[in-house]
Amino acid sequence: MNRILATYLKHLLVFGDLTVTDSDGGVTRWGDGTGDPVHLRFNTAAAERGVAINPGLKFGEAYMNGGVDITEGTIFDMLALVFRNAGNKAQNEPWMRAIARLRLIYRRVIQNNTPQRARRNVKHHYDLSSELYDLFLDVDRQYSCAYFDRPDAGLDEAQLAKKRHIAAKLAFDRPGLKTLDIGCGWGGMGLYLARHLSADVTGITLSDEQLGIARSRADEAGLSDHLHFEIADYRDTAGPFDRIVSVGMFEHVGVDFYDDYFRQCARLLDEDGVMLLHTIGRWDEPANTNAFINKYIFPGGYLPSLSQIAHSVERAGLIISDVEVLRLHYAETIRHWRDRFAARRDEAKALYDERFCRMWEFYLAASETAFRWQDCVVFQVQLTRKVDTLPITRDYMLEAEARLRELERRDTVPSIAAERTNADRQAAE
């Protein structure tokens, strides 16, 4: 086995049961033999060398391209074993620190998310076939962290709870409030606000695929008079708005554009307005985006620390009125996505190919392990322009959620109110 890789595994694997077959056919066992066994096989010497030198990028590439196979267990089991042993300590290896420093040098080039590049980055991921997302998302196509207010909640129920939780924090106190949804996805958040709170919603996206579906859903729901979707960059949007919501979009802004983003939000937000930002972030200090995710899944993406968000908010003249850190909610969300994707993998392969399926499996597995055993969390940051815009206790949020639950019970659209779908039950079985 490659000596660098052997040294790394010896140092890393304190517990667990990992067997590695190297490219020459040699077999080595690592760990203390506890837990479920995992067997990794290198199919080529090039894959073995690549993983030894740059595991952050090359292990995902090797799995995607068939350079490695997991012959016992799954790719999730393999990554879980690594990160349960390592946590963030994996980045402390000298050669990995050197790679991280090199990536920092050109990070600003990678994340130079000008309007043109931002549109291209969005199309790379979100303009994939809508049938792909139907395979693993909930009925409302929520492609962001769900909110598990009950441990046994299904994915649809948890995604509905997420929309309710966010809506409560936006403090809708009257109908007809002009609301901007930055990065509106397939329209689910806007539909919820228009349907249950009589908001006048403008949703903006950079994805043609998302735009078409969002507009169709608004028409089908009979809400097109109060719900408008368009292709637009946040930098080119005109206000003012009473409410601004952004769910799962801030990860695509890029750290060098944080000041511009929040200054624009301050310009767009009415003096008595409220904004809710829902974004993946890091509880640890700022760090690079995973190399594989950046190259193949979310080009230009970056996960902020809370300190990076706070500094830009301060410079924009906005007030942080509430912060909530959602821990492990995204891990549970992605677990549902992984199970659903696995159950319908053959359909995904028919849409694309085996390489794509392996890429997607690695992406989902790496993402879940990041939220379970690394430093990834979700921040919900509430922002205002005035210190007295909202009540001084959080009771209004709980009261609003209770009212929204009652409104949901009266909803005549059963798919939105469903607690579990067939996909949830199949995955559970």
Protein backbone atom coordinates (compact mmCIF):
# COMPACT_ATOMS: atom_id res chain seq x y z
CA MET A 1 0.00 0.00 0.00
CA ASN A 2 1.08 3.56 -0.62
CA ARG A 3 3.21 4.50 2.41
CA ILE A 4 1.67 7.95 2.90
CA LEU A 5 -1.81 6.47 2.90
CA ALA A 6 -0.79 3.66 5.26
CA THR A 7 0.72 6.14 7.72
CA TYR A 8 -2.40 8.28 7.60
CA LEU A 9 -4.76 5.35 8.21
CA LYS A 10 -2.63 4.02 11.07
CA HIS A 11 -2.72 7.42 12.74
CA LEU A 12 -6.40 8.06 12.03
CA LEU A 13 -8.29 4.85 12.75
CA VAL A 14 -8.32 4.39 16.52
CA PHE A 15 -11.59 2.43 16.48
CA GLY A 16 -13.71 0.66 13.89
CA ASP A 17 -13.11 -2.17 11.45
CA LEU A 18 -11.70 -1.19 8.04
CA THR A 19 -10.15 -3.60 5.57
CA VAL A 20 -8.30 -2.11 2.60
CA THR A 21 -7.32 -4.05 -0.49
CA ASP A 22 -4.65 -2.04 -2.30
CA SER A 23 -4.12 -1.87 -6.04
CA ASP A 24 -1.57 -4.69 -5.90
CA GLY A 25 -4.00 -7.01 -4.12
CA GLY A 26 -2.50 -6.65 -0.65
CA VAL A 27 -4.97 -6.69 2.25
CA THR A 28 -4.54 -4.66 5.44
CA ARG A 29 -6.93 -4.25 8.35
CA TRP A 30 -7.20 -1.05 10.39
CA GLY A 31 -8.92 -0.06 13.64
CA ASP A 32 -9.72 -2.06 16.76
CA GLY A 33 -12.20 -4.42 15.10
CA THR A 34 -15.29 -2.89 16.68
CA GLY A 35 -18.48 -1.98 14.86
CA ASP A 36 -19.73 -3.01 11.44
CA PRO A 37 -16.94 -3.96 9.03
CA VAL A 38 -16.15 -1.84 5.98
CA HIS A 39 -14.05 -3.08 3.07
CA LEU A 40 -12.46 -0.64 0.61
CA ARG A 41 -10.82 -1.87 -2.59
CA PHE A 42 -8.50 0.22 -4.76
CA ASN A 43 -8.92 -0.77 -8.41
CA THR A 44 -6.02 1.28 -9.79
CA ALA A 45 -2.65 2.49 -8.58
CA ALA A 46 -3.53 6.01 -9.77
CA ALA A 47 -6.56 6.10 -7.49
CA GLU A 48 -4.46 4.94 -4.55
CA ARG A 49 -1.81 7.60 -5.17
CA GLY A 50 -4.41 10.31 -5.62
CA VAL A 51 -6.19 9.52 -2.36
CA ALA A 52 -2.85 9.40 -0.53
CA ILE A 53 -1.84 12.86 -1.74
CA ASN A 54 -5.16 14.73 -1.77
CA PRO A 55 -7.93 12.74 -0.06
CA GLY A 56 -10.30 15.71 0.16
CA LEU A 57 -10.73 15.72 -3.62
CA LYS A 58 -9.36 12.45 -4.93
CA PHE A 59 -11.29 10.00 -2.77
CA GLY A 60 -14.60 11.33 -4.10
CA GLU A 61 -13.27 11.34 -7.65
CA ALA A 62 -11.95 7.80 -7.30
CA TYR A 63 -15.31 6.56 -6.03
CA MET A 64 -17.22 8.43 -8.73
CA ASN A 65 -14.98 7.13 -11.52
CA GLY A 66 -14.71 3.53 -10.30
CA GLY A 67 -11.14 3.78 -9.02
CA VAL A 68 -12.33 2.50 -5.65
CA ASP A 69 -15.23 0.29 -4.62
CA ILE A 70 -16.80 -0.38 -1.25
CA THR A 71 -17.19 -4.16 -1.25
CA GLU A 72 -18.57 -4.41 2.29
CA GLY A 73 -20.69 -1.64 3.76
CA THR A 74 -21.50 1.57 1.86
CA ILE A 75 -19.78 4.81 0.95
CA PHE A 76 -21.64 6.42 3.85
CA ASP A 77 -20.25 3.76 6.22
CA MET A 78 -16.76 4.48 4.96
CA LEU A 79 -17.02 8.24 5.41
CA ALA A 80 -18.72 7.83 8.78
CA LEU A 81 -15.85 5.66 9.97
CA VAL A 82 -13.29 8.25 8.88
CA PHE A 83 -15.02 11.28 10.35
CA ARG A 84 -16.15 9.63 13.58
CA ASN A 85 -12.48 8.88 14.19
CA ALA A 86 -11.16 12.20 12.95
CA GLY A 87 -13.74 14.95 13.39
CA ASN A 88 -11.91 18.05 12.23
CA LYS A 89 -8.55 16.53 13.19
CA ALA A 90 -8.25 15.05 9.70
CA GLN A 91 -7.30 18.51 8.51
CA ASN A 92 -4.33 18.61 10.92
CA GLU A 93 -2.14 16.36 8.81
CA PRO A 94 0.78 18.49 7.48
CA TRP A 95 0.19 17.73 3.80
CA MET A 96 -3.53 18.38 4.15
CA ARG A 97 -2.82 21.74 5.79
CA ALA A 98 -0.54 22.57 2.86
CA ILE A 99 -3.27 21.71 0.36
CA ALA A 100 -5.74 23.85 2.32
CA ARG A 101 -3.35 26.81 2.23
CA LEU A 102 -2.93 26.46 -1.52
CA ARG A 103 -6.70 26.39 -1.99
CA LEU A 104 -6.99 29.57 0.09
CA ILE A 105 -4.73 31.35 -2.39
CA TYR A 106 -7.19 30.88 -5.26
CA ARG A 107 -10.39 30.78 -3.20
CA ARG A 108 -11.24 34.32 -4.26
CA VAL A 109 -10.97 33.30 -7.89
CA ILE A 110 -13.24 30.29 -7.36
CA GLN A 111 -15.77 32.36 -5.40
CA ASN A 112 -15.75 35.42 -7.62
CA ASN A 113 -19.51 35.13 -7.95
CA THR A 114 -20.26 37.95 -10.34
CA PRO A 115 -23.82 37.95 -11.72
CA GLN A 116 -22.72 36.04 -14.82
CA ARG A 117 -20.75 33.44 -12.89
CA ALA A 118 -23.48 33.12 -10.26
CA ARG A 119 -26.00 32.29 -13.01
CA ARG A 120 -23.64 29.68 -14.48
CA ASN A 121 -23.02 28.11 -11.06
CA VAL A 122 -26.74 27.84 -10.36
CA LYS A 123 -27.45 26.26 -13.73
CA HIS A 124 -24.73 23.66 -13.06
CA HIS A 125 -26.74 22.17 -10.20
CA TYR A 126 -30.32 23.40 -10.20
CA ASP A 127 -30.99 22.99 -13.90
CA LEU A 128 -30.51 19.25 -13.72
CA SER A 129 -33.56 17.23 -14.69
CA SER A 130 -36.57 17.99 -12.51
CA GLU A 131 -37.21 14.23 -12.51
CA LEU A 132 -33.99 13.74 -10.55
CA TYR A 133 -35.18 15.91 -7.68
CA ASP A 134 -38.54 14.17 -7.71
CA LEU A 135 -36.72 10.97 -6.78
CA PHE A 136 -35.58 12.09 -3.34
CA LEU A 137 -37.10 15.44 -2.26
CA ASP A 138 -40.37 15.89 -0.38
CA VAL A 139 -43.65 16.65 -2.14
CA ASP A 140 -42.97 20.40 -1.94
CA ARG A 141 -39.45 20.13 -3.42
CA GLN A 142 -37.74 21.68 -0.41
CA TYR A 143 -34.02 21.40 -1.12
CA SER A 144 -32.79 22.73 2.22
CA CYS A 145 -32.63 21.71 5.87
CA ALA A 146 -35.92 20.45 7.31
CA TYR A 147 -37.02 21.11 10.89
CA PHE A 148 -37.67 17.97 12.94
CA ASP A 149 -39.90 19.22 15.73
CA ARG A 150 -40.75 15.55 16.47
CA PRO A 151 -38.10 12.80 16.45
CA ASP A 152 -40.31 10.48 14.39
CA ALA A 153 -41.38 13.10 11.84
CA GLY A 154 -41.31 12.11 8.19
CA LEU A 155 -39.56 14.25 5.61
CA ASP A 156 -42.73 15.95 4.35
CA GLU A 157 -43.81 16.80 7.86
CA ALA A 158 -40.37 18.16 8.78
CA GLN A 159 -40.18 20.31 5.65
CA LEU A 160 -43.61 21.71 6.37
CA ALA A 161 -42.44 22.46 9.94
CA LYS A 162 -39.42 24.30 8.48
CA LYS A 163 -41.63 26.62 6.43
CA ARG A 164 -43.88 27.19 9.45
CA HIS A 165 -40.88 27.91 11.69
CA ILE A 166 -39.47 30.46 9.24
CA ALA A 167 -42.84 32.10 8.63
CA ALA A 168 -43.32 32.55 12.37
CA LYS A 169 -39.99 34.33 12.65
CA LEU A 170 -40.96 36.70 9.84
CA ALA A 171 -43.81 37.98 12.03
CA PHE A 172 -46.55 38.53 9.45
CA ASP A 173 -48.95 40.82 11.29
CA ARG A 174 -51.32 41.69 8.43
CA PRO A 175 -52.23 40.46 4.94
CA GLY A 176 -50.69 41.84 1.77
CA LEU A 177 -47.16 42.35 3.05
CA LYS A 178 -44.71 42.70 0.15
CA THR A 179 -42.30 39.81 0.53
CA LEU A 180 -39.09 39.00 -1.34
CA ASP A 181 -37.88 35.39 -1.52
CA ILE A 182 -34.20 35.48 -2.53
CA GLY A 183 -33.34 32.16 -4.12
CA CYS A 184 -36.92 30.91 -4.26
CA GLY A 185 -36.15 27.41 -5.57
CA TRP A 186 -39.22 25.64 -6.92
CA GLY A 187 -41.51 28.09 -5.14
CA GLY A 188 -42.49 26.17 -2.01
CA MET A 189 -41.71 28.90 0.53
CA GLY A 190 -43.48 31.55 -1.52
CA LEU A 191 -46.50 29.32 -1.96
CA TYR A 192 -46.68 28.75 1.79
CA LEU A 193 -46.51 32.48 2.60
CA ALA A 194 -49.05 33.45 -0.05
CA ARG A 195 -51.47 30.65 0.85
CA HIS A 196 -51.40 30.87 4.64
CA LEU A 197 -50.43 34.48 5.32
CA SER A 198 -51.87 36.29 2.28
CA ALA A 199 -48.44 37.70 1.48
CA ASP A 200 -47.70 39.37 -1.85
CA VAL A 201 -44.57 37.42 -2.77
CA THR A 202 -41.86 38.03 -5.35
CA GLY A 203 -39.55 35.05 -5.75
CA ILE A 204 -36.25 35.36 -7.58
CA THR A 205 -34.04 32.58 -8.91
CA LEU A 206 -31.23 32.12 -11.44
CA SER A 207 -32.47 28.69 -12.55
CA ASP A 208 -34.66 28.37 -15.64
CA GLU A 209 -35.82 24.92 -14.53
CA GLN A 210 -36.89 26.19 -11.12
CA LEU A 211 -38.60 29.23 -12.59
CA GLY A 212 -40.82 27.22 -14.90
CA ILE A 213 -41.95 24.85 -12.15
CA ALA A 214 -42.51 27.65 -9.62
CA ARG A 215 -44.71 29.59 -12.04
CA SER A 216 -46.72 26.50 -12.91
CA ARG A 217 -47.28 25.76 -9.24
CA ALA A 218 -48.48 29.31 -8.59
CA ASP A 219 -50.97 29.02 -11.45
CA GLU A 220 -52.21 25.61 -10.31
CA ALA A 221 -52.71 26.92 -6.76
CA GLY A 222 -54.70 29.92 -8.03
CA LEU A 223 -52.18 32.29 -6.43
CA SER A 224 -50.57 33.88 -9.48
CA ASP A 225 -52.12 37.28 -8.64
CA HIS A 226 -50.17 37.35 -5.36
CA LEU A 227 -47.15 35.23 -6.21
CA HIS A 228 -44.65 36.27 -8.87
CA PHE A 229 -41.49 34.43 -9.86
CA GLU A 230 -38.72 35.77 -12.08
CA ILE A 231 -35.13 35.29 -13.15
CA ALA A 232 -33.22 37.96 -11.27
CA ASP A 233 -30.02 38.50 -9.32
CA TYR A 234 -30.43 39.91 -5.83
CA ARG A 235 -28.13 42.76 -6.84
CA ASP A 236 -30.58 43.91 -9.52
CA THR A 237 -33.77 43.71 -7.47
CA ALA A 238 -35.69 46.85 -6.50
CA GLY A 239 -37.65 47.32 -3.27
CA PRO A 240 -38.83 48.16 -0.77
CA PHE A 241 -40.20 44.98 0.83
CA ASP A 242 -41.90 44.47 4.17
CA ARG A 243 -40.39 41.01 4.55
CA ILE A 244 -37.36 39.28 3.03
CA VAL A 245 -36.68 35.56 3.28
CA SER A 246 -33.73 33.64 1.91
CA VAL A 247 -33.48 29.89 2.38
CA GLY A 248 -30.44 27.95 1.16
CA MET A 249 -29.21 30.69 -1.18
CA PHE A 250 -26.58 32.48 0.92
CA GLU A 251 -24.20 29.52 0.52
CA HIS A 252 -23.82 30.61 -3.13
CA VAL A 253 -23.03 34.28 -2.49
CA GLY A 254 -19.28 33.97 -1.87
CA VAL A 255 -17.45 35.50 1.07
CA ASP A 256 -16.16 38.50 -0.88
CA PHE A 257 -19.74 39.49 -1.69
CA TYR A 258 -21.16 39.33 1.86
CA ASP A 259 -20.96 43.09 2.36
CA ASP A 260 -22.70 43.72 -0.97
CA TYR A 261 -25.39 41.16 -0.15
CA PHE A 262 -26.35 42.60 3.23
CA ARG A 263 -26.11 46.20 2.06
CA GLN A 264 -28.51 45.35 -0.73
CA CYS A 265 -30.84 43.62 1.73
CA ALA A 266 -30.73 46.75 3.91
CA ARG A 267 -31.70 48.86 0.89
CA LEU A 268 -34.51 46.48 -0.06
CA LEU A 269 -35.96 46.13 3.46
CA ASP A 270 -38.59 48.61 4.60
CA GLU A 271 -37.77 50.59 7.72
CA ASP A 272 -40.15 48.43 9.78
CA GLY A 273 -39.31 45.26 7.86
CA VAL A 274 -38.08 41.84 8.99
CA MET A 275 -35.68 39.48 7.21
CA LEU A 276 -34.94 35.81 7.90
CA LEU A 277 -31.75 34.25 6.56
CA HIS A 278 -31.54 30.45 6.61
CA THR A 279 -28.10 29.18 5.61
CA ILE A 280 -25.68 26.35 6.13
CA GLY A 281 -22.68 27.49 8.13
CA ARG A 282 -19.83 26.39 10.37
CA TRP A 283 -19.70 26.51 14.14
CA ASP A 284 -15.90 26.49 13.87
CA GLU A 285 -13.61 29.14 12.42
CA PRO A 286 -13.79 29.95 8.66
CA ALA A 287 -12.50 27.20 6.38
CA ASN A 288 -12.43 26.08 2.76
CA THR A 289 -15.37 24.42 1.06
CA ASN A 290 -14.85 20.69 0.53
CA ALA A 291 -12.88 20.32 -2.71
CA PHE A 292 -15.08 17.60 -4.22
CA ILE A 293 -18.32 19.45 -3.45
CA ASN A 294 -16.91 22.67 -4.87
CA LYS A 295 -15.71 21.07 -8.09
CA TYR A 296 -18.61 18.76 -8.93
CA ILE A 297 -21.69 19.79 -6.96
CA PHE A 298 -21.79 23.46 -5.93
CA PRO A 299 -19.14 25.48 -7.80
CA GLY A 300 -18.54 28.82 -6.14
CA GLY A 301 -20.16 27.70 -2.88
CA TYR A 302 -18.93 28.70 0.55
CA LEU A 303 -20.17 27.93 4.08
CA PRO A 304 -19.79 30.92 6.42
CA SER A 305 -18.97 31.06 10.08
CA LEU A 306 -21.36 33.07 12.22
CA SER A 307 -18.63 35.66 12.75
CA GLN A 308 -18.37 36.28 8.99
CA ILE A 309 -22.11 36.83 8.74
CA ALA A 310 -22.17 39.12 11.79
CA HIS A 311 -19.38 41.38 10.57
CA SER A 312 -21.07 42.02 7.23
CA VAL A 313 -24.46 42.54 8.88
CA GLU A 314 -22.91 45.15 11.15
CA ARG A 315 -21.32 46.99 8.23
CA ALA A 316 -24.66 47.03 6.42
CA GLY A 317 -26.38 48.75 9.32
CA LEU A 318 -28.79 45.88 10.01
CA ILE A 319 -29.61 44.51 13.46
CA ILE A 320 -29.37 40.84 14.36
CA SER A 321 -32.57 40.41 16.36
CA ASP A 322 -32.52 36.62 16.76
CA VAL A 323 -30.22 33.68 15.98
CA GLU A 324 -31.00 29.97 16.09
CA VAL A 325 -28.51 27.20 15.36
CA LEU A 326 -30.10 24.04 13.96
CA ARG A 327 -27.86 21.14 14.97
CA LEU A 328 -28.27 17.73 13.32
CA HIS A 329 -31.52 18.71 11.59
CA TYR A 330 -29.71 18.71 8.24
CA ALA A 331 -28.07 15.37 8.99
CA GLU A 332 -31.54 13.89 9.44
CA THR A 333 -32.80 15.64 6.30
CA ILE A 334 -30.00 14.19 4.19
CA ARG A 335 -30.52 10.75 5.71
CA HIS A 336 -34.02 10.82 4.24
CA TRP A 337 -32.64 12.01 0.90
CA ARG A 338 -30.01 9.25 0.84
CA ASP A 339 -32.58 6.57 1.61
CA ARG A 340 -34.97 7.86 -1.03
CA PHE A 341 -32.24 8.15 -3.66
CA ALA A 342 -31.03 4.62 -2.91
CA ALA A 343 -34.58 3.28 -3.24
CA ARG A 344 -34.90 4.81 -6.71
CA ARG A 345 -31.30 4.60 -7.88
CA ASP A 346 -32.20 2.70 -11.05
CA GLU A 347 -34.41 5.58 -12.12
CA ALA A 348 -31.58 8.05 -11.54
CA LYS A 349 -29.25 5.86 -13.59
CA ALA A 350 -31.80 5.83 -16.43
CA LEU A 351 -31.83 9.64 -16.35
CA TYR A 352 -28.03 9.96 -16.30
CA ASP A 353 -25.52 7.11 -15.83
CA GLU A 354 -23.61 5.06 -13.27
CA ARG A 355 -20.92 7.72 -12.81
CA PHE A 356 -23.56 10.33 -11.99
CA CYS A 357 -25.21 8.01 -9.45
CA ARG A 358 -21.89 7.38 -7.71
CA MET A 359 -21.16 11.12 -7.69
CA TRP A 360 -24.57 11.82 -6.14
CA GLU A 361 -24.18 9.03 -3.57
CA PHE A 362 -20.82 10.46 -2.51
CA TYR A 363 -22.24 13.98 -2.34
CA LEU A 364 -25.12 12.92 -0.08
CA ALA A 365 -22.95 10.71 2.11
CA ALA A 366 -20.25 13.36 2.51
CA SER A 367 -22.86 16.00 3.30
CA GLU A 368 -24.57 13.94 5.98
CA THR A 369 -21.27 13.05 7.67
CA ALA A 370 -20.30 16.74 7.64
CA PHE A 371 -23.41 17.59 9.66
CA ARG A 372 -23.05 14.61 12.02
CA TRP A 373 -19.33 14.60 12.79
CA GLN A 374 -17.74 17.76 11.40
CA ASP A 375 -18.49 21.44 11.95
CA CYS A 376 -21.53 22.03 9.74
CA VAL A 377 -24.79 23.43 11.15
CA VAL A 378 -27.62 25.64 9.90
CA PHE A 379 -28.05 29.24 11.03
CA GLN A 380 -31.37 31.04 11.08
CA VAL A 381 -30.58 34.73 11.48
CA GLN A 382 -33.40 37.25 11.92
CA LEU A 383 -32.60 40.82 10.86
CA THR A 384 -34.32 44.18 11.26
CA ARG A 385 -33.49 47.83 10.64
CA LYS A 386 -34.96 49.06 13.92
CA VAL A 387 -34.44 47.73 17.44
CA ASP A 388 -38.14 47.95 18.33
CA THR A 389 -39.62 46.33 15.22
CA LEU A 390 -40.44 43.06 16.98
CA PRO A 391 -41.64 42.05 20.46
CA ILE A 392 -38.88 41.74 23.03
CA THR A 393 -39.64 38.09 23.85
CA ARG A 394 -39.88 35.11 21.49
CA ASP A 395 -43.43 34.21 22.53
CA TYR A 396 -44.81 35.66 19.30
CA MET A 397 -42.96 32.97 17.34
CA LEU A 398 -44.61 30.16 19.27
CA GLU A 399 -48.02 31.81 18.96
CA ALA A 400 -47.55 32.25 15.21
CA GLU A 401 -46.56 28.60 14.77
CA ALA A 402 -49.68 27.49 16.63
CA ARG A 403 -51.88 29.64 14.36
CA LEU A 404 -50.14 28.31 11.27
CA ARG A 405 -50.65 24.69 12.35
CA GLU A 406 -54.36 25.38 12.53
CA LEU A 407 -54.34 26.98 9.08
CA GLU A 408 -52.47 23.96 7.69
CA ARG A 409 -55.13 21.62 9.07
CA ARG A 410 -57.71 23.48 7.01
CA ASP A 411 -55.54 23.31 3.89
CA THR A 412 -57.40 21.63 1.05
CA VAL A 413 -54.16 20.50 -0.63
CA PRO A 414 -53.54 17.07 0.96
CA SER A 415 -50.03 16.64 -0.45
CA ILE A 416 -48.80 19.71 1.42
CA ALA A 417 -50.34 18.61 4.73
CA ALA A 418 -49.25 14.97 4.47
CA GLU A 419 -47.10 13.76 7.33
CA ARG A 420 -45.51 10.86 5.49
CA THR A 421 -45.30 9.92 1.85
CA ASN A 422 -45.00 6.48 0.32
CA ALA A 423 -41.31 7.19 -0.17
CA ASP A 424 -40.87 7.72 3.56
CA ARG A 425 -42.59 4.45 4.37
CA GLN A 426 -40.61 2.54 1.75
CA ALA A 427 -37.33 3.97 3.09
CA ALA A 428 -38.34 3.02 6.64
CA GLU A 429 -39.01 -0.55 5.54
